[in-house]
Amino acid sequence: MSYNNQKIGFNTALRIGITANTKNTATGYSSGSTLHFDSSVQQLLPLGPGFVGVGAEAFYLRQVTGDSGSGARFGDFMGHTVGVGPVLSYILPLGKDTFATEFRWLPEVDVKNRLQGDLFWLKTVYQF
């Protein structure tokens, strides 16, 4: 679900997903399935020939079924994580084409039964 107001350059989005894991036939282990929510808000501002975007993103991930199989020595080991951080982007219209780049940093702030860390990514797109 998203809302884009091109007149003022405001964008917001909410995404919901489920990841269903299957049994690893080599180990007999099955990781539980997860439910996740991601949301973002971003304001686009004119900068040079393009637009800079400044915003934030947050996510919530929860394991909704337990781990199972012979390797599940710690029981269902259901975990969750929450992260929130900044998003910076630049969009450059090039006639009918568009170049866009985006950087996201999402440090995890609440983690249980999962490895904890920061998520970084850089995305570059050339639309033609």
N, C-alpha and C. Protein backbone atom coordinates (compact mmCIF):
# COMPACT_ATOMS: atom_id res chain seq x y z
N MET A 1 0.86 -1.14 0.00
CA MET A 1 0.00 0.00 0.00
C MET A 1 0.92 1.22 0.00
N SER A 2 0.62 2.19 -0.87
CA SER A 2 1.46 3.38 -0.90
C SER A 2 0.63 4.62 -1.22
N TYR A 3 1.21 5.75 -0.84
CA TYR A 3 0.61 7.04 -1.15
C TYR A 3 1.71 7.93 -1.69
N ASN A 4 1.50 8.52 -2.86
CA ASN A 4 2.46 9.42 -3.48
C ASN A 4 1.76 10.72 -3.84
N ASN A 5 2.27 11.83 -3.31
CA ASN A 5 1.74 13.14 -3.66
C ASN A 5 2.81 13.85 -4.48
N GLN A 6 2.69 13.79 -5.82
CA GLN A 6 3.71 14.39 -6.68
C GLN A 6 3.74 15.91 -6.58
N LYS A 7 2.64 16.50 -6.19
CA LYS A 7 2.58 17.96 -6.09
C LYS A 7 3.52 18.49 -5.01
N ILE A 8 3.55 17.82 -3.85
CA ILE A 8 4.41 18.28 -2.76
C ILE A 8 5.63 17.37 -2.55
N GLY A 9 5.74 16.26 -3.30
CA GLY A 9 6.89 15.38 -3.21
C GLY A 9 6.92 14.47 -2.01
N PHE A 10 5.76 14.13 -1.47
CA PHE A 10 5.70 13.27 -0.27
C PHE A 10 5.30 11.85 -0.68
N ASN A 11 6.03 10.86 -0.15
CA ASN A 11 5.73 9.45 -0.41
C ASN A 11 5.71 8.68 0.90
N THR A 12 4.79 7.73 1.00
CA THR A 12 4.77 6.82 2.14
C THR A 12 4.31 5.46 1.65
N ALA A 13 4.77 4.40 2.32
CA ALA A 13 4.42 3.04 1.89
C ALA A 13 4.39 2.10 3.09
N LEU A 14 3.57 1.07 2.98
CA LEU A 14 3.48 0.00 3.97
C LEU A 14 3.46 -1.31 3.20
N ARG A 15 4.35 -2.23 3.57
CA ARG A 15 4.42 -3.54 2.93
C ARG A 15 4.30 -4.62 4.00
N ILE A 16 3.57 -5.66 3.68
CA ILE A 16 3.38 -6.80 4.57
C ILE A 16 3.73 -8.06 3.80
N GLY A 17 4.46 -8.97 4.42
CA GLY A 17 4.83 -10.20 3.74
C GLY A 17 4.98 -11.36 4.69
N ILE A 18 4.89 -12.56 4.13
CA ILE A 18 5.11 -13.80 4.87
C ILE A 18 6.18 -14.60 4.13
N THR A 19 7.15 -15.11 4.88
CA THR A 19 8.16 -15.99 4.31
C THR A 19 7.92 -17.39 4.86
N ALA A 20 7.61 -18.32 3.97
CA ALA A 20 7.36 -19.71 4.37
C ALA A 20 8.60 -20.53 4.07
N ASN A 21 9.20 -21.09 5.09
CA ASN A 21 10.39 -21.92 4.92
C ASN A 21 10.01 -23.39 4.82
N THR A 22 10.81 -24.15 4.09
CA THR A 22 10.57 -25.58 3.93
C THR A 22 11.68 -26.36 4.62
N LYS A 23 11.50 -27.64 4.73
CA LYS A 23 12.45 -28.52 5.41
C LYS A 23 13.71 -28.68 4.58
N ASN A 24 14.87 -28.59 5.23
CA ASN A 24 16.15 -28.87 4.60
C ASN A 24 16.31 -30.39 4.60
N THR A 25 16.22 -30.99 3.44
CA THR A 25 16.25 -32.46 3.36
C THR A 25 17.60 -33.04 3.74
N ALA A 26 18.68 -32.28 3.62
CA ALA A 26 20.01 -32.77 3.99
C ALA A 26 20.19 -32.85 5.50
N THR A 27 19.56 -31.95 6.25
CA THR A 27 19.75 -31.91 7.71
C THR A 27 18.51 -32.31 8.49
N GLY A 28 17.35 -32.33 7.84
CA GLY A 28 16.10 -32.63 8.54
C GLY A 28 15.60 -31.45 9.37
N TYR A 29 16.19 -30.28 9.18
CA TYR A 29 15.84 -29.10 9.97
C TYR A 29 14.88 -28.22 9.18
N SER A 30 13.91 -27.66 9.87
CA SER A 30 12.97 -26.75 9.25
C SER A 30 12.93 -25.46 10.06
N SER A 31 13.31 -24.34 9.43
CA SER A 31 13.20 -23.03 10.09
C SER A 31 11.76 -22.57 10.04
N GLY A 32 11.32 -21.90 11.07
CA GLY A 32 9.95 -21.41 11.11
C GLY A 32 9.68 -20.30 10.10
N SER A 33 8.43 -20.09 9.79
CA SER A 33 8.01 -19.04 8.87
C SER A 33 7.97 -17.70 9.59
N THR A 34 8.12 -16.62 8.82
CA THR A 34 8.16 -15.28 9.41
C THR A 34 7.13 -14.36 8.77
N LEU A 35 6.69 -13.41 9.56
CA LEU A 35 5.79 -12.35 9.13
C LEU A 35 6.56 -11.05 9.29
N HIS A 36 6.48 -10.16 8.27
CA HIS A 36 7.20 -8.90 8.39
C HIS A 36 6.35 -7.74 7.88
N PHE A 37 6.59 -6.59 8.52
CA PHE A 37 5.97 -5.31 8.15
C PHE A 37 7.10 -4.34 7.88
N ASP A 38 7.04 -3.62 6.77
CA ASP A 38 8.01 -2.58 6.44
C ASP A 38 7.23 -1.32 6.12
N SER A 39 7.71 -0.19 6.60
CA SER A 39 7.05 1.08 6.25
C SER A 39 8.11 2.14 6.01
N SER A 40 7.76 3.11 5.17
CA SER A 40 8.70 4.18 4.88
C SER A 40 7.95 5.48 4.63
N VAL A 41 8.62 6.58 4.91
CA VAL A 41 8.14 7.92 4.57
C VAL A 41 9.32 8.65 3.95
N GLN A 42 9.02 9.48 2.94
CA GLN A 42 10.10 10.19 2.26
C GLN A 42 9.56 11.49 1.69
N GLN A 43 10.38 12.53 1.82
CA GLN A 43 10.07 13.83 1.23
C GLN A 43 11.08 14.10 0.13
N LEU A 44 10.60 14.42 -1.08
CA LEU A 44 11.47 14.78 -2.19
C LEU A 44 11.58 16.29 -2.28
N LEU A 45 12.81 16.76 -2.46
CA LEU A 45 13.09 18.20 -2.56
C LEU A 45 13.93 18.45 -3.81
N PRO A 46 13.65 19.55 -4.54
CA PRO A 46 14.45 19.85 -5.72
C PRO A 46 15.91 20.13 -5.35
N LEU A 47 16.82 19.55 -6.12
CA LEU A 47 18.25 19.78 -5.92
C LEU A 47 18.94 19.66 -7.28
N GLY A 48 19.45 20.76 -7.78
CA GLY A 48 20.07 20.76 -9.10
C GLY A 48 19.05 20.34 -10.15
N PRO A 49 19.46 19.49 -11.08
CA PRO A 49 18.52 19.05 -12.12
C PRO A 49 17.58 17.93 -11.67
N GLY A 50 17.73 17.45 -10.44
CA GLY A 50 16.93 16.33 -9.95
C GLY A 50 16.28 16.61 -8.62
N PHE A 51 16.09 15.54 -7.86
CA PHE A 51 15.42 15.62 -6.56
C PHE A 51 16.17 14.77 -5.55
N VAL A 52 16.37 15.32 -4.37
CA VAL A 52 16.93 14.56 -3.26
C VAL A 52 15.77 14.10 -2.39
N GLY A 53 15.85 12.86 -1.92
CA GLY A 53 14.83 12.32 -1.03
C GLY A 53 15.41 12.11 0.36
N VAL A 54 14.69 12.55 1.37
CA VAL A 54 15.09 12.38 2.76
C VAL A 54 13.94 11.71 3.48
N GLY A 55 14.24 10.63 4.20
CA GLY A 55 13.15 9.94 4.87
C GLY A 55 13.63 8.94 5.88
N ALA A 56 12.71 8.06 6.27
CA ALA A 56 13.00 7.03 7.26
C ALA A 56 12.27 5.75 6.88
N GLU A 57 12.82 4.63 7.33
CA GLU A 57 12.19 3.33 7.12
C GLU A 57 12.23 2.58 8.44
N ALA A 58 11.23 1.74 8.65
CA ALA A 58 11.18 0.89 9.83
C ALA A 58 10.68 -0.48 9.43
N PHE A 59 11.11 -1.51 10.16
CA PHE A 59 10.60 -2.85 9.89
C PHE A 59 10.40 -3.61 11.19
N TYR A 60 9.51 -4.58 11.11
CA TYR A 60 9.23 -5.49 12.22
C TYR A 60 9.14 -6.88 11.63
N LEU A 61 9.90 -7.83 12.17
CA LEU A 61 9.88 -9.21 11.69
C LEU A 61 9.67 -10.13 12.88
N ARG A 62 8.72 -11.04 12.76
CA ARG A 62 8.44 -12.01 13.84
C ARG A 62 8.30 -13.40 13.24
N GLN A 63 8.98 -14.35 13.85
CA GLN A 63 8.82 -15.74 13.45
C GLN A 63 7.49 -16.24 14.02
N VAL A 64 6.62 -16.74 13.14
CA VAL A 64 5.26 -17.10 13.57
C VAL A 64 5.06 -18.60 13.73
N THR A 65 5.99 -19.43 13.23
CA THR A 65 5.98 -20.86 13.49
C THR A 65 7.37 -21.25 13.98
N GLY A 66 7.44 -22.26 14.81
CA GLY A 66 8.71 -22.65 15.41
C GLY A 66 9.59 -23.47 14.50
N ASP A 67 10.89 -23.48 14.83
CA ASP A 67 11.82 -24.37 14.15
C ASP A 67 11.50 -25.80 14.56
N SER A 68 11.82 -26.75 13.69
CA SER A 68 11.54 -28.14 14.02
C SER A 68 12.54 -29.06 13.32
N GLY A 69 12.51 -30.31 13.70
CA GLY A 69 13.40 -31.30 13.11
C GLY A 69 14.46 -31.73 14.11
N SER A 70 15.30 -32.67 13.68
CA SER A 70 16.30 -33.25 14.58
C SER A 70 17.33 -32.22 15.05
N GLY A 71 17.56 -31.17 14.29
CA GLY A 71 18.54 -30.16 14.68
C GLY A 71 18.01 -29.07 15.58
N ALA A 72 16.73 -29.10 15.89
CA ALA A 72 16.12 -28.03 16.72
C ALA A 72 16.37 -28.33 18.19
N ARG A 73 17.63 -28.26 18.61
CA ARG A 73 18.02 -28.61 19.97
C ARG A 73 17.55 -27.59 21.01
N PHE A 74 17.23 -26.37 20.58
CA PHE A 74 16.81 -25.31 21.50
C PHE A 74 15.30 -25.12 21.46
N GLY A 75 14.56 -26.07 20.95
CA GLY A 75 13.12 -25.94 20.86
C GLY A 75 12.72 -25.15 19.62
N ASP A 76 11.59 -24.46 19.70
CA ASP A 76 11.08 -23.75 18.51
C ASP A 76 11.90 -22.51 18.16
N PHE A 77 12.64 -21.95 19.14
CA PHE A 77 13.61 -20.86 18.93
C PHE A 77 13.02 -19.70 18.12
N MET A 78 11.77 -19.35 18.41
CA MET A 78 11.10 -18.27 17.67
C MET A 78 11.72 -16.92 18.01
N GLY A 79 12.01 -16.14 16.97
CA GLY A 79 12.68 -14.87 17.15
C GLY A 79 11.90 -13.71 16.57
N HIS A 80 12.42 -12.52 16.85
CA HIS A 80 11.86 -11.31 16.26
C HIS A 80 12.96 -10.25 16.19
N THR A 81 12.71 -9.23 15.38
CA THR A 81 13.63 -8.11 15.28
C THR A 81 12.87 -6.87 14.83
N VAL A 82 13.38 -5.72 15.25
CA VAL A 82 12.81 -4.41 14.89
C VAL A 82 13.98 -3.53 14.47
N GLY A 83 13.79 -2.77 13.40
CA GLY A 83 14.83 -1.85 12.95
C GLY A 83 14.22 -0.55 12.45
N VAL A 84 14.98 0.52 12.59
CA VAL A 84 14.53 1.82 12.10
C VAL A 84 15.76 2.65 11.74
N GLY A 85 15.67 3.39 10.63
CA GLY A 85 16.80 4.20 10.23
C GLY A 85 16.51 5.11 9.06
N PRO A 86 17.52 5.87 8.64
CA PRO A 86 17.34 6.88 7.59
C PRO A 86 17.42 6.30 6.18
N VAL A 87 16.80 7.03 5.25
CA VAL A 87 16.85 6.73 3.82
C VAL A 87 17.22 8.02 3.09
N LEU A 88 18.21 7.95 2.23
CA LEU A 88 18.60 9.09 1.40
C LEU A 88 18.58 8.64 -0.06
N SER A 89 18.05 9.48 -0.94
CA SER A 89 17.99 9.10 -2.35
C SER A 89 18.21 10.32 -3.23
N TYR A 90 18.50 10.05 -4.50
CA TYR A 90 18.60 11.11 -5.50
C TYR A 90 17.99 10.58 -6.80
N ILE A 91 17.09 11.36 -7.38
CA ILE A 91 16.42 11.00 -8.62
C ILE A 91 16.77 12.06 -9.66
N LEU A 92 17.26 11.59 -10.81
CA LEU A 92 17.68 12.49 -11.87
C LEU A 92 16.93 12.16 -13.16
N PRO A 93 15.94 12.97 -13.55
CA PRO A 93 15.27 12.76 -14.83
C PRO A 93 16.24 13.06 -15.98
N LEU A 94 16.26 12.19 -16.98
CA LEU A 94 17.13 12.34 -18.16
C LEU A 94 16.28 12.20 -19.42
N GLY A 95 15.49 13.22 -19.73
CA GLY A 95 14.56 13.12 -20.86
C GLY A 95 13.47 12.12 -20.53
N LYS A 96 13.36 11.06 -21.34
CA LYS A 96 12.39 9.99 -21.08
C LYS A 96 12.92 8.97 -20.08
N ASP A 97 14.20 9.02 -19.79
CA ASP A 97 14.84 8.08 -18.87
C ASP A 97 14.95 8.69 -17.47
N THR A 98 15.27 7.85 -16.50
CA THR A 98 15.47 8.32 -15.12
C THR A 98 16.60 7.52 -14.48
N PHE A 99 17.46 8.22 -13.77
CA PHE A 99 18.51 7.60 -12.97
C PHE A 99 18.16 7.84 -11.51
N ALA A 100 18.24 6.80 -10.69
CA ALA A 100 17.95 6.95 -9.27
C ALA A 100 18.95 6.13 -8.46
N THR A 101 19.33 6.67 -7.33
CA THR A 101 20.18 5.93 -6.40
C THR A 101 19.62 6.15 -4.99
N GLU A 102 19.78 5.13 -4.15
CA GLU A 102 19.19 5.18 -2.82
C GLU A 102 20.10 4.46 -1.83
N PHE A 103 20.28 5.06 -0.65
CA PHE A 103 21.04 4.45 0.43
C PHE A 103 20.13 4.30 1.65
N ARG A 104 20.15 3.11 2.25
CA ARG A 104 19.36 2.84 3.46
C ARG A 104 20.26 2.26 4.54
N TRP A 105 20.03 2.71 5.77
CA TRP A 105 20.72 2.16 6.93
C TRP A 105 19.66 1.85 7.97
N LEU A 106 19.55 0.58 8.33
CA LEU A 106 18.54 0.16 9.30
C LEU A 106 19.19 -0.60 10.45
N PRO A 107 19.59 0.08 11.51
CA PRO A 107 20.10 -0.63 12.68
C PRO A 107 18.97 -1.36 13.40
N GLU A 108 19.25 -2.58 13.82
CA GLU A 108 18.26 -3.34 14.58
C GLU A 108 18.29 -2.86 16.03
N VAL A 109 17.12 -2.60 16.60
CA VAL A 109 17.05 -2.03 17.94
C VAL A 109 16.46 -2.99 18.97
N ASP A 110 15.82 -4.06 18.54
CA ASP A 110 15.24 -5.04 19.46
C ASP A 110 15.30 -6.40 18.78
N VAL A 111 16.15 -7.29 19.29
CA VAL A 111 16.37 -8.58 18.64
C VAL A 111 16.28 -9.69 19.67
N LYS A 112 15.59 -10.78 19.32
CA LYS A 112 15.51 -11.96 20.18
C LYS A 112 15.67 -13.20 19.30
N ASN A 113 16.56 -14.09 19.70
CA ASN A 113 16.80 -15.37 19.02
C ASN A 113 17.17 -15.22 17.55
N ARG A 114 17.91 -14.17 17.22
CA ARG A 114 18.42 -13.94 15.87
C ARG A 114 19.76 -13.24 15.99
N LEU A 115 20.56 -13.30 14.94
CA LEU A 115 21.79 -12.52 14.92
C LEU A 115 21.42 -11.04 14.81
N GLN A 116 22.09 -10.18 15.55
CA GLN A 116 21.79 -8.75 15.53
C GLN A 116 22.85 -8.01 14.72
N GLY A 117 22.41 -7.00 14.00
CA GLY A 117 23.34 -6.19 13.22
C GLY A 117 22.64 -5.02 12.57
N ASP A 118 23.38 -4.32 11.74
CA ASP A 118 22.83 -3.20 10.98
C ASP A 118 22.68 -3.62 9.53
N LEU A 119 21.60 -3.20 8.91
CA LEU A 119 21.38 -3.47 7.50
C LEU A 119 21.76 -2.23 6.72
N PHE A 120 22.61 -2.38 5.71
CA PHE A 120 22.99 -1.30 4.82
C PHE A 120 22.71 -1.75 3.40
N TRP A 121 22.20 -0.89 2.57
CA TRP A 121 22.19 -1.20 1.15
C TRP A 121 22.16 0.04 0.30
N LEU A 122 22.74 -0.13 -0.87
CA LEU A 122 22.80 0.92 -1.87
C LEU A 122 22.15 0.37 -3.13
N LYS A 123 21.17 1.09 -3.63
CA LYS A 123 20.44 0.65 -4.82
C LYS A 123 20.60 1.73 -5.89
N THR A 124 20.92 1.29 -7.10
CA THR A 124 21.04 2.20 -8.23
C THR A 124 20.18 1.65 -9.36
N VAL A 125 19.37 2.53 -9.98
CA VAL A 125 18.44 2.12 -11.03
C VAL A 125 18.55 3.09 -12.20
N TYR A 126 18.57 2.53 -13.39
CA TYR A 126 18.46 3.35 -14.60
C TYR A 126 17.23 2.88 -15.34
N GLN A 127 16.21 3.72 -15.38
CA GLN A 127 14.94 3.36 -16.02
C GLN A 127 14.93 3.95 -17.42
N PHE A 128 14.66 3.10 -18.42
CA PHE A 128 14.62 3.57 -19.81
C PHE A 128 13.42 2.99 -20.53
